[in-house]
N, C-alpha and C. Protein backbone atom coordinates (compact mmCIF):
# COMPACT_ATOMS: atom_id res chain seq x y z
N MET A 1 -16.37 154.65 171.72
CA MET A 1 -17.30 155.60 171.25
C MET A 1 -17.58 156.49 172.46
N ILE A 2 -17.32 157.79 172.21
CA ILE A 2 -17.59 158.73 173.16
C ILE A 2 -19.07 158.90 173.50
N GLU A 3 -19.52 158.91 174.77
CA GLU A 3 -20.94 159.11 175.16
C GLU A 3 -21.34 160.52 174.97
N LYS A 4 -22.43 160.55 174.22
CA LYS A 4 -22.94 161.90 174.01
C LYS A 4 -23.74 162.59 175.01
N LYS A 5 -23.68 163.81 175.11
CA LYS A 5 -24.37 164.63 176.24
C LYS A 5 -25.82 164.35 176.26
N HIS A 6 -26.40 164.38 175.05
CA HIS A 6 -27.85 164.36 174.96
C HIS A 6 -28.30 163.07 174.24
N LYS A 7 -29.38 162.61 174.66
CA LYS A 7 -30.09 161.57 173.70
C LYS A 7 -30.84 162.41 172.74
N VAL A 8 -30.87 161.70 171.50
CA VAL A 8 -31.52 162.30 170.41
C VAL A 8 -32.52 161.34 169.90
N PHE A 9 -33.82 161.86 169.54
CA PHE A 9 -34.88 160.96 168.90
C PHE A 9 -35.49 161.63 167.66
N CYS A 10 -35.58 160.67 166.74
CA CYS A 10 -36.11 161.16 165.49
C CYS A 10 -37.60 160.85 165.67
N ILE A 11 -38.34 161.80 165.33
CA ILE A 11 -39.93 161.64 165.58
C ILE A 11 -40.71 161.84 164.19
N GLY A 12 -39.98 161.78 163.10
CA GLY A 12 -40.67 161.84 161.87
C GLY A 12 -41.18 160.65 161.50
N LEU A 13 -42.30 160.55 160.80
CA LEU A 13 -42.91 159.51 160.23
C LEU A 13 -42.01 158.73 159.26
N SER A 14 -42.44 157.36 158.87
CA SER A 14 -41.59 156.64 157.96
C SER A 14 -41.76 157.24 156.64
N LYS A 15 -40.57 157.11 155.84
CA LYS A 15 -40.63 157.69 154.47
C LYS A 15 -40.35 159.22 154.53
N THR A 16 -39.73 159.69 155.54
CA THR A 16 -39.34 161.13 155.58
C THR A 16 -37.76 161.36 155.78
N GLY A 17 -36.98 160.30 155.41
CA GLY A 17 -35.67 160.46 155.61
C GLY A 17 -35.07 159.86 156.90
N THR A 18 -35.83 159.09 157.61
CA THR A 18 -35.38 158.54 158.81
C THR A 18 -34.02 157.59 158.76
N THR A 19 -33.95 156.93 157.74
CA THR A 19 -32.95 156.01 157.37
C THR A 19 -31.57 156.71 157.21
N SER A 20 -31.71 157.91 156.54
CA SER A 20 -30.54 158.79 156.05
C SER A 20 -30.16 159.45 157.48
N LEU A 21 -31.18 159.83 158.24
CA LEU A 21 -30.71 160.62 159.39
C LEU A 21 -30.06 159.73 160.35
N THR A 22 -30.49 158.30 160.47
CA THR A 22 -29.85 157.52 161.29
C THR A 22 -28.27 157.13 160.97
N LYS A 23 -28.21 157.10 159.66
CA LYS A 23 -26.78 157.00 158.98
C LYS A 23 -25.92 158.19 159.43
N ALA A 24 -26.61 159.44 159.30
CA ALA A 24 -25.78 160.63 159.57
C ALA A 24 -25.40 160.65 161.16
N LEU A 25 -26.33 160.30 161.91
CA LEU A 25 -25.92 160.30 163.40
C LEU A 25 -24.93 159.33 163.74
N LYS A 26 -24.84 158.25 163.07
CA LYS A 26 -23.80 157.18 163.27
C LYS A 26 -22.38 157.74 162.81
N ILE A 27 -22.52 158.54 161.72
CA ILE A 27 -21.18 159.19 161.22
C ILE A 27 -20.71 160.07 162.34
N LEU A 28 -21.62 160.77 162.89
CA LEU A 28 -21.17 161.69 164.08
C LEU A 28 -20.86 161.11 165.25
N GLY A 29 -21.01 159.77 165.38
CA GLY A 29 -20.49 158.94 166.43
C GLY A 29 -21.44 158.65 167.47
N TYR A 30 -22.80 158.67 167.22
CA TYR A 30 -23.78 158.30 167.87
C TYR A 30 -24.12 156.83 167.74
N LYS A 31 -24.53 156.36 169.04
CA LYS A 31 -24.90 154.89 168.97
C LYS A 31 -26.24 154.81 168.63
N THR A 32 -26.68 154.44 167.39
CA THR A 32 -27.83 154.44 166.80
C THR A 32 -28.68 153.24 166.69
N LYS A 33 -29.96 153.36 166.61
CA LYS A 33 -30.81 152.26 166.20
C LYS A 33 -32.19 152.80 165.51
N HIS A 34 -32.22 152.32 164.34
CA HIS A 34 -33.32 152.65 163.48
C HIS A 34 -34.40 151.70 163.57
N PHE A 35 -35.66 152.11 163.87
CA PHE A 35 -36.88 151.23 164.01
C PHE A 35 -36.54 150.30 165.06
N PRO A 36 -36.37 150.70 166.36
CA PRO A 36 -35.89 149.76 167.43
C PRO A 36 -37.12 148.93 167.97
N ILE A 37 -37.40 148.10 167.03
CA ILE A 37 -38.64 147.21 167.28
C ILE A 37 -38.53 146.30 168.55
N ARG A 38 -37.20 145.88 169.00
CA ARG A 38 -37.00 145.09 170.02
C ARG A 38 -37.34 145.84 171.44
N LEU A 39 -37.48 147.18 171.33
CA LEU A 39 -37.78 147.89 172.46
C LEU A 39 -39.24 147.99 172.64
N LEU A 40 -40.04 147.61 171.74
CA LEU A 40 -41.50 147.48 171.82
C LEU A 40 -42.04 146.22 172.38
N LYS A 41 -42.75 146.49 173.45
CA LYS A 41 -43.47 145.38 174.09
C LYS A 41 -44.84 145.20 174.08
N TYR A 42 -45.42 144.09 173.76
CA TYR A 42 -46.82 143.83 173.79
C TYR A 42 -47.34 143.21 174.92
N THR A 43 -48.24 143.93 175.69
CA THR A 43 -48.94 143.38 177.00
C THR A 43 -50.50 143.47 176.71
N GLU A 44 -51.05 142.91 177.79
CA GLU A 44 -52.68 142.83 177.80
C GLU A 44 -53.12 144.19 177.74
N GLU A 45 -52.31 145.27 178.30
CA GLU A 45 -52.80 146.55 178.38
C GLU A 45 -52.49 147.34 177.06
N GLY A 46 -51.76 146.71 176.13
CA GLY A 46 -51.46 147.24 174.87
C GLY A 46 -49.94 147.42 174.65
N LEU A 47 -49.58 148.26 173.77
CA LEU A 47 -48.11 148.38 173.52
C LEU A 47 -47.41 149.24 174.47
N LYS A 48 -46.20 148.79 174.93
CA LYS A 48 -45.34 149.26 175.84
C LYS A 48 -43.97 149.48 175.24
N PHE A 49 -43.24 150.42 175.72
CA PHE A 49 -41.93 150.77 175.23
C PHE A 49 -40.84 150.50 176.46
N ASP A 50 -39.85 149.78 175.98
CA ASP A 50 -38.89 149.39 176.96
C ASP A 50 -37.75 150.57 177.18
N PHE A 51 -38.16 151.38 178.15
CA PHE A 51 -37.19 152.65 178.23
C PHE A 51 -35.92 152.35 178.78
N ALA A 52 -35.96 151.26 179.70
CA ALA A 52 -34.51 150.80 180.16
C ALA A 52 -33.58 150.34 179.12
N GLY A 53 -34.22 149.63 178.11
CA GLY A 53 -33.57 149.25 177.00
C GLY A 53 -33.02 150.32 176.15
N ALA A 54 -33.64 151.45 176.18
CA ALA A 54 -33.23 152.62 175.37
C ALA A 54 -32.02 153.29 175.83
N GLU A 55 -31.72 153.06 177.12
CA GLU A 55 -30.65 153.57 177.78
C GLU A 55 -29.29 153.52 177.11
N LYS A 56 -29.03 152.24 176.50
CA LYS A 56 -27.80 151.93 175.92
C LYS A 56 -27.63 152.77 174.43
N TYR A 57 -28.64 153.55 174.02
CA TYR A 57 -28.62 154.12 172.68
C TYR A 57 -28.45 155.69 172.77
N ASP A 58 -27.80 156.30 171.89
CA ASP A 58 -27.77 157.72 171.98
C ASP A 58 -28.82 158.13 170.96
N PHE A 59 -29.22 157.51 170.11
CA PHE A 59 -30.29 158.02 169.00
C PHE A 59 -31.16 156.86 168.64
N LEU A 60 -32.53 157.10 168.56
CA LEU A 60 -33.50 156.06 168.11
C LEU A 60 -34.39 156.84 167.09
N SER A 61 -34.80 156.04 166.14
CA SER A 61 -35.67 156.63 165.10
C SER A 61 -36.79 155.81 164.60
N ASP A 62 -37.81 156.38 164.04
CA ASP A 62 -38.95 155.67 163.23
C ASP A 62 -39.99 155.21 164.23
N LEU A 63 -40.92 154.38 163.74
CA LEU A 63 -42.31 154.14 164.34
C LEU A 63 -42.39 153.96 165.88
N PRO A 64 -41.65 153.13 166.55
CA PRO A 64 -41.73 153.04 167.93
C PRO A 64 -41.57 154.33 168.67
N VAL A 65 -40.59 155.18 168.19
CA VAL A 65 -40.30 156.51 168.67
C VAL A 65 -41.42 157.36 168.59
N VAL A 66 -41.85 157.38 167.39
CA VAL A 66 -42.97 158.27 167.02
C VAL A 66 -44.18 158.18 167.97
N ARG A 67 -44.41 156.80 168.12
CA ARG A 67 -45.56 156.47 169.05
C ARG A 67 -45.26 157.00 170.61
N PHE A 68 -44.14 156.97 170.90
CA PHE A 68 -43.66 157.18 172.47
C PHE A 68 -42.81 158.37 172.71
N TYR A 69 -42.88 159.29 171.76
CA TYR A 69 -41.85 160.44 171.80
C TYR A 69 -42.17 161.28 173.15
N LYS A 70 -43.38 161.48 173.56
CA LYS A 70 -43.82 162.36 174.84
C LYS A 70 -43.29 161.54 176.00
N GLU A 71 -43.45 160.10 176.12
CA GLU A 71 -42.89 159.38 177.16
C GLU A 71 -41.45 159.61 177.29
N LEU A 72 -40.80 159.30 176.05
CA LEU A 72 -39.25 159.49 176.00
C LEU A 72 -38.78 160.77 176.64
N ASP A 73 -39.53 161.79 176.16
CA ASP A 73 -39.22 163.14 176.54
C ASP A 73 -39.14 163.30 178.09
N LYS A 74 -40.11 162.62 178.80
CA LYS A 74 -40.31 162.71 180.16
C LYS A 74 -39.26 161.72 180.97
N THR A 75 -38.92 160.74 180.14
CA THR A 75 -38.06 159.56 180.84
C THR A 75 -36.55 160.19 180.66
N PHE A 76 -36.35 160.89 179.68
CA PHE A 76 -34.93 161.29 179.39
C PHE A 76 -34.85 162.84 179.25
N PRO A 77 -34.95 163.47 180.45
CA PRO A 77 -35.00 164.96 180.37
C PRO A 77 -33.84 165.50 179.72
N GLY A 78 -33.94 166.61 178.94
CA GLY A 78 -32.74 167.25 178.23
C GLY A 78 -32.38 166.59 176.89
N SER A 79 -33.31 165.73 176.44
CA SER A 79 -33.19 165.07 175.11
C SER A 79 -33.50 166.14 173.92
N ARG A 80 -32.92 165.81 172.75
CA ARG A 80 -33.26 166.67 171.65
C ARG A 80 -34.08 165.75 170.62
N PHE A 81 -34.86 166.45 170.03
CA PHE A 81 -35.82 165.76 169.14
C PHE A 81 -35.63 166.25 167.67
N ILE A 82 -35.70 165.53 166.64
CA ILE A 82 -35.58 165.81 165.21
C ILE A 82 -36.84 165.26 164.48
N PHE A 83 -37.53 166.34 163.93
CA PHE A 83 -38.86 166.01 163.29
C PHE A 83 -38.44 166.04 161.69
N THR A 84 -38.13 164.94 161.25
CA THR A 84 -37.95 164.77 159.73
C THR A 84 -39.41 165.00 158.94
N THR A 85 -39.38 165.75 157.95
CA THR A 85 -40.71 165.90 157.40
C THR A 85 -40.33 165.97 155.86
N ARG A 86 -41.45 166.10 154.95
CA ARG A 86 -41.38 166.28 153.48
C ARG A 86 -42.74 166.77 153.11
N GLU A 87 -42.66 167.11 151.87
CA GLU A 87 -43.89 167.70 151.39
C GLU A 87 -45.06 166.72 151.19
N LEU A 88 -46.12 167.03 151.67
CA LEU A 88 -47.25 165.87 151.90
C LEU A 88 -47.57 165.07 150.70
N GLU A 89 -47.70 165.69 149.56
CA GLU A 89 -47.94 164.94 148.38
C GLU A 89 -46.89 163.91 147.92
N GLU A 90 -45.73 164.36 148.11
CA GLU A 90 -44.54 163.56 147.87
C GLU A 90 -44.40 162.28 148.85
N TRP A 91 -44.74 162.74 150.20
CA TRP A 91 -44.83 161.70 151.13
C TRP A 91 -45.76 160.63 150.84
N LEU A 92 -47.09 161.06 150.44
CA LEU A 92 -48.13 160.01 150.19
C LEU A 92 -47.74 159.17 149.00
N ASP A 93 -47.07 159.75 148.04
CA ASP A 93 -46.74 159.15 146.78
C ASP A 93 -45.69 158.11 147.14
N SER A 94 -44.79 158.45 148.11
CA SER A 94 -43.74 157.49 148.56
C SER A 94 -44.27 156.34 149.33
N CYS A 95 -45.27 156.62 150.18
CA CYS A 95 -45.89 155.59 151.00
C CYS A 95 -46.72 154.78 150.01
N ASN A 96 -47.35 155.21 149.05
CA ASN A 96 -48.14 154.45 148.14
C ASN A 96 -47.30 153.36 147.36
N ARG A 97 -46.09 153.76 147.17
CA ARG A 97 -45.13 152.86 146.40
C ARG A 97 -44.28 152.02 147.31
N HIS A 98 -44.50 152.23 148.65
CA HIS A 98 -43.78 151.45 149.58
C HIS A 98 -44.47 150.04 149.90
N PHE A 99 -43.68 149.07 150.13
CA PHE A 99 -44.24 147.64 150.36
C PHE A 99 -44.40 147.61 151.98
N TRP A 100 -45.58 147.72 152.46
CA TRP A 100 -45.78 147.80 153.91
C TRP A 100 -45.97 146.31 154.31
N PRO A 101 -45.37 145.85 155.47
CA PRO A 101 -45.44 144.57 156.15
C PRO A 101 -46.92 144.09 156.30
N GLY A 102 -47.90 145.02 156.54
CA GLY A 102 -49.16 144.60 156.85
C GLY A 102 -49.76 143.96 155.60
N GLN A 103 -49.12 144.01 154.40
CA GLN A 103 -49.68 143.41 153.24
C GLN A 103 -49.55 141.84 153.41
N ILE A 104 -48.50 141.43 154.25
CA ILE A 104 -48.36 139.98 154.35
C ILE A 104 -48.56 139.48 155.79
N LEU A 105 -48.53 140.43 156.66
CA LEU A 105 -48.68 140.10 158.19
C LEU A 105 -50.06 140.55 158.45
N LYS A 106 -51.06 139.53 158.29
CA LYS A 106 -52.38 139.78 158.56
C LYS A 106 -52.86 139.65 159.90
N GLY A 107 -54.03 140.06 160.24
CA GLY A 107 -54.56 139.72 161.53
C GLY A 107 -54.18 140.62 162.64
N ASP A 108 -54.29 140.11 163.93
CA ASP A 108 -54.07 141.02 165.10
C ASP A 108 -52.51 140.83 165.54
N PHE A 109 -51.75 141.16 164.55
CA PHE A 109 -50.43 141.10 164.75
C PHE A 109 -49.99 142.46 165.54
N TRP A 110 -48.92 142.52 166.48
CA TRP A 110 -48.64 143.49 167.14
C TRP A 110 -48.09 144.74 166.29
N PHE A 111 -47.34 144.32 165.14
CA PHE A 111 -46.84 145.49 164.23
C PHE A 111 -48.10 146.11 163.62
N ASN A 112 -49.22 145.35 163.31
CA ASN A 112 -50.41 146.05 162.72
C ASN A 112 -50.86 146.94 163.62
N ARG A 113 -50.97 146.62 164.98
CA ARG A 113 -51.43 147.57 166.05
C ARG A 113 -50.82 148.67 165.99
N LEU A 114 -49.46 148.58 165.96
CA LEU A 114 -48.54 149.92 166.02
C LEU A 114 -48.74 150.73 164.91
N HIS A 115 -48.95 150.16 163.61
CA HIS A 115 -49.12 150.89 162.44
C HIS A 115 -50.56 151.41 162.32
N LYS A 116 -51.57 150.91 162.90
CA LYS A 116 -52.87 151.39 162.87
C LYS A 116 -53.01 152.60 163.94
N GLU A 117 -52.23 152.36 165.07
CA GLU A 117 -52.19 153.62 166.08
C GLU A 117 -51.67 154.87 165.42
N ILE A 118 -50.70 154.72 164.57
CA ILE A 118 -50.02 155.89 164.10
C ILE A 118 -50.52 156.42 162.77
N TYR A 119 -50.96 155.42 161.89
CA TYR A 119 -51.48 155.88 160.51
C TYR A 119 -52.93 155.68 160.32
N GLY A 120 -53.59 155.03 161.26
CA GLY A 120 -55.02 154.86 161.19
C GLY A 120 -55.43 153.57 160.35
N ALA A 121 -54.32 152.97 159.67
CA ALA A 121 -54.62 151.79 158.88
C ALA A 121 -53.53 150.96 158.90
N ILE A 122 -53.55 149.77 158.51
CA ILE A 122 -52.55 148.73 158.47
C ILE A 122 -51.82 148.84 157.21
N ASP A 123 -52.50 148.84 156.11
CA ASP A 123 -51.96 149.00 154.73
C ASP A 123 -52.13 150.50 154.33
N TYR A 124 -51.67 150.86 153.27
CA TYR A 124 -51.70 152.26 152.72
C TYR A 124 -53.19 152.62 152.50
N ASP A 125 -53.56 153.79 153.11
CA ASP A 125 -54.77 154.23 152.79
C ASP A 125 -54.66 155.77 152.60
N GLU A 126 -54.81 156.40 151.51
CA GLU A 126 -54.40 157.78 151.24
C GLU A 126 -55.11 158.76 152.10
N GLU A 127 -56.53 158.53 152.34
CA GLU A 127 -57.21 159.49 153.21
C GLU A 127 -56.80 159.47 154.69
N LYS A 128 -56.51 158.15 155.17
CA LYS A 128 -56.08 158.02 156.52
C LYS A 128 -54.69 158.38 156.78
N PHE A 129 -53.76 158.24 155.82
CA PHE A 129 -52.38 158.53 155.89
C PHE A 129 -52.27 160.17 155.81
N ARG A 130 -53.16 160.66 155.05
CA ARG A 130 -53.17 162.09 154.96
C ARG A 130 -53.56 162.77 156.26
N LYS A 131 -54.49 162.20 156.96
CA LYS A 131 -54.98 162.76 158.19
C LYS A 131 -53.96 162.41 159.22
N ALA A 132 -53.25 161.38 159.23
CA ALA A 132 -52.21 161.00 160.16
C ALA A 132 -51.06 161.86 160.16
N TYR A 133 -50.60 162.16 158.70
CA TYR A 133 -49.54 163.11 158.61
C TYR A 133 -49.89 164.41 159.11
N LYS A 134 -50.92 165.06 158.93
CA LYS A 134 -51.27 166.32 159.49
C LYS A 134 -51.55 166.37 160.98
N LYS A 135 -52.25 165.32 161.47
CA LYS A 135 -52.38 165.14 162.94
C LYS A 135 -51.05 165.07 163.61
N HIS A 136 -50.11 164.23 163.12
CA HIS A 136 -48.81 164.15 163.82
C HIS A 136 -47.99 165.36 163.79
N ARG A 137 -47.92 166.14 162.64
CA ARG A 137 -47.39 167.30 162.45
C ARG A 137 -47.79 168.31 163.54
N GLN A 138 -49.11 168.45 163.60
CA GLN A 138 -49.87 169.31 164.45
C GLN A 138 -49.36 169.10 165.99
N GLU A 139 -49.39 167.90 166.31
CA GLU A 139 -49.25 167.42 167.82
C GLU A 139 -47.79 167.74 168.09
N VAL A 140 -46.87 167.37 167.09
CA VAL A 140 -45.50 167.71 167.40
C VAL A 140 -45.21 169.17 167.66
N LEU A 141 -45.67 170.06 166.68
CA LEU A 141 -45.58 171.39 166.81
C LEU A 141 -46.19 172.08 168.05
N SER A 142 -47.29 171.51 168.47
CA SER A 142 -47.94 172.00 169.55
C SER A 142 -47.22 171.61 170.89
N TYR A 143 -46.70 170.18 170.86
CA TYR A 143 -45.93 169.86 172.08
C TYR A 143 -44.74 170.58 172.26
N PHE A 144 -43.95 171.00 171.25
CA PHE A 144 -42.72 171.75 171.40
C PHE A 144 -42.84 173.20 171.17
N SER A 145 -44.04 173.79 171.26
CA SER A 145 -44.43 175.20 170.95
C SER A 145 -43.57 176.21 171.77
N LYS A 146 -43.27 175.76 173.07
CA LYS A 146 -42.57 176.68 174.00
C LYS A 146 -41.16 176.10 174.19
N ARG A 147 -40.73 175.23 173.45
CA ARG A 147 -39.50 174.57 173.55
C ARG A 147 -38.72 174.42 172.23
N GLU A 148 -38.76 175.49 171.54
CA GLU A 148 -38.16 175.34 170.14
C GLU A 148 -36.76 174.95 170.05
N ASP A 149 -35.90 175.32 171.01
CA ASP A 149 -34.62 174.85 171.12
C ASP A 149 -34.30 173.29 171.21
N ASP A 150 -35.49 172.68 171.61
CA ASP A 150 -35.29 171.19 171.72
C ASP A 150 -35.79 170.36 170.45
N LEU A 151 -36.23 171.15 169.52
CA LEU A 151 -36.76 170.60 168.25
C LEU A 151 -36.17 171.11 166.97
N LEU A 152 -35.71 170.11 166.18
CA LEU A 152 -35.21 170.50 164.86
C LEU A 152 -36.19 169.98 163.83
N ILE A 153 -36.72 170.81 162.86
CA ILE A 153 -37.49 170.48 161.76
C ILE A 153 -36.64 170.31 160.63
N ILE A 154 -36.46 169.35 159.88
CA ILE A 154 -35.55 169.12 158.73
C ILE A 154 -36.18 168.39 157.76
N ASP A 155 -36.09 168.82 156.40
CA ASP A 155 -36.40 168.20 155.25
C ASP A 155 -35.41 167.50 154.33
N ILE A 156 -34.82 166.36 154.68
CA ILE A 156 -33.68 165.69 154.12
C ILE A 156 -34.04 165.64 152.56
N THR A 157 -35.26 165.08 152.27
CA THR A 157 -35.59 165.00 150.94
C THR A 157 -35.61 166.24 150.06
N ASP A 158 -35.49 167.38 150.63
CA ASP A 158 -35.30 168.60 150.04
C ASP A 158 -33.84 169.08 149.88
N GLY A 159 -32.92 168.26 150.37
CA GLY A 159 -31.44 168.60 150.38
C GLY A 159 -30.95 169.13 151.74
N GLU A 160 -31.75 169.33 152.67
CA GLU A 160 -31.10 169.86 154.04
C GLU A 160 -30.29 168.67 154.58
N GLY A 161 -29.34 169.01 155.26
CA GLY A 161 -28.31 168.11 155.85
C GLY A 161 -27.56 168.57 156.95
N TRP A 162 -26.29 168.41 156.78
CA TRP A 162 -25.30 168.70 157.81
C TRP A 162 -25.50 170.09 158.35
N GLU A 163 -25.67 171.14 157.27
CA GLU A 163 -25.57 172.51 157.76
C GLU A 163 -26.68 172.87 158.72
N LYS A 164 -27.80 172.12 158.65
CA LYS A 164 -28.98 172.32 159.56
C LYS A 164 -28.74 171.45 160.88
N LEU A 165 -28.36 170.27 160.52
CA LEU A 165 -28.42 169.18 161.69
C LEU A 165 -27.21 169.55 162.77
N CYS A 166 -26.05 169.64 162.27
CA CYS A 166 -24.92 169.72 163.20
C CYS A 166 -24.94 170.90 164.21
N PRO A 167 -25.32 172.14 163.79
CA PRO A 167 -25.44 173.26 164.76
C PRO A 167 -26.39 172.90 165.85
N PHE A 168 -27.47 172.17 165.52
CA PHE A 168 -28.57 171.86 166.39
C PHE A 168 -27.93 170.65 167.41
N LEU A 169 -27.09 169.92 167.01
CA LEU A 169 -26.63 168.92 167.91
C LEU A 169 -25.24 169.39 168.57
N ASP A 170 -24.85 170.55 168.33
CA ASP A 170 -23.45 171.07 168.77
C ASP A 170 -22.19 170.20 168.14
N GLU A 171 -22.36 169.77 166.89
CA GLU A 171 -21.33 168.92 166.28
C GLU A 171 -20.73 169.66 165.19
N SER A 172 -19.52 169.28 164.97
CA SER A 172 -18.81 169.88 163.66
C SER A 172 -19.28 169.08 162.43
N ILE A 173 -19.27 169.91 161.40
CA ILE A 173 -19.78 169.18 160.08
C ILE A 173 -18.75 168.34 159.49
N PRO A 174 -19.02 167.27 159.24
CA PRO A 174 -18.02 166.14 158.75
C PRO A 174 -17.76 166.48 157.39
N GLU A 175 -16.44 166.01 157.00
CA GLU A 175 -16.00 166.25 155.57
C GLU A 175 -16.58 165.15 154.75
N ARG A 176 -17.60 165.02 154.72
CA ARG A 176 -18.24 163.88 153.72
C ARG A 176 -19.58 164.26 153.47
N ASP A 177 -20.12 163.69 152.39
CA ASP A 177 -21.64 164.06 151.87
C ASP A 177 -22.55 163.47 152.95
N PHE A 178 -23.73 164.09 153.07
CA PHE A 178 -24.79 163.67 153.86
C PHE A 178 -25.26 162.30 153.35
N PRO A 179 -25.67 161.30 154.04
CA PRO A 179 -25.96 160.03 153.53
C PRO A 179 -27.29 160.20 152.67
N GLU A 180 -27.30 159.37 151.60
CA GLU A 180 -28.59 159.28 150.72
C GLU A 180 -29.55 158.48 151.22
N LYS A 181 -30.62 158.69 151.06
CA LYS A 181 -31.78 157.95 151.57
C LYS A 181 -31.65 156.60 150.95
N ASP A 182 -32.10 155.44 151.64
CA ASP A 182 -32.20 154.09 151.16
C ASP A 182 -33.59 153.85 150.63
N CYS A 183 -33.68 153.65 149.30
CA CYS A 183 -35.04 153.51 148.73
C CYS A 183 -35.34 152.02 148.54
N LEU A 184 -34.56 151.07 148.96
CA LEU A 184 -34.81 149.60 148.85
C LEU A 184 -35.92 149.32 149.77
N TYR A 185 -37.12 148.75 149.28
CA TYR A 185 -38.32 148.43 149.95
C TYR A 185 -37.96 147.30 150.95
N SER A 186 -36.91 146.53 150.52
CA SER A 186 -36.69 145.32 151.40
C SER A 186 -35.95 145.70 152.73
N GLN A 187 -35.61 146.97 152.89
CA GLN A 187 -35.07 147.39 154.18
C GLN A 187 -35.96 147.19 155.37
N ILE A 188 -37.39 147.36 155.14
CA ILE A 188 -38.26 147.28 156.10
C ILE A 188 -38.32 145.88 156.70
N PHE A 189 -37.95 144.98 155.94
CA PHE A 189 -38.01 143.59 156.39
C PHE A 189 -36.73 143.16 157.31
N LYS A 190 -35.84 144.12 157.30
CA LYS A 190 -34.73 143.69 158.30
C LYS A 190 -35.18 143.66 159.68
N VAL A 191 -36.20 144.40 159.99
CA VAL A 191 -36.66 144.40 161.45
C VAL A 191 -37.41 143.07 161.70
N PHE A 192 -37.66 142.40 160.55
CA PHE A 192 -38.37 141.11 160.83
C PHE A 192 -37.55 139.94 160.67
N SER A 193 -36.29 140.24 160.42
CA SER A 193 -35.32 139.16 160.19
C SER A 193 -34.82 138.36 161.34
N ILE A 194 -34.20 137.32 161.34
CA ILE A 194 -33.88 136.43 162.49
C ILE A 194 -33.02 137.22 163.48
N GLN A 195 -32.19 138.10 163.07
CA GLN A 195 -31.23 138.82 164.03
C GLN A 195 -32.09 139.78 164.88
N GLN A 196 -33.26 140.08 164.38
CA GLN A 196 -33.99 140.98 165.25
C GLN A 196 -34.87 140.36 166.44
N PHE A 197 -35.13 139.07 166.09
CA PHE A 197 -36.00 138.42 167.06
C PHE A 197 -35.17 137.16 167.83
N ARG A 198 -34.03 137.02 167.50
CA ARG A 198 -33.26 135.92 168.31
C ARG A 198 -32.82 136.59 169.64
């Protein structure tokens, strides 16, 4: 696998096409990791990110990245960021239908802490998720307001794909369809499987 010039980070919230985007970057030859939970460390001071561990990947996506994207930007200068988004009401509906791990992982579990930091709640809460969506979008746009070339905003759920993604990454468009999103709720539990923690 050819090493890529830039690290790429997806900073969209869950249920915005992050799985599809990860598959797309893999097709383009990137060494990817979706929901890189093994890079998240829990300490007495709180949640920490294993930046040294991130060195071996070209592309990372989902929650831990969303939480630490500003630190990743400083740690890996020249990186590019992809903000996956979708219409707010559609996103809320998708979140409402999603099976969140917090429904079975109760108490002061580190995943619950991460989830609460980002969404304001462990389980789905429409009001808190709505606020989290707006807050995250505002913060991302503000952070990259003077660096528009470093940020791509893409709505995969609305059909945007290779034509928007590849020019941003300086990649040729593959002769294959853009990956469809994976709607299997069981996918979230892959990060809690034995292979993730062994």
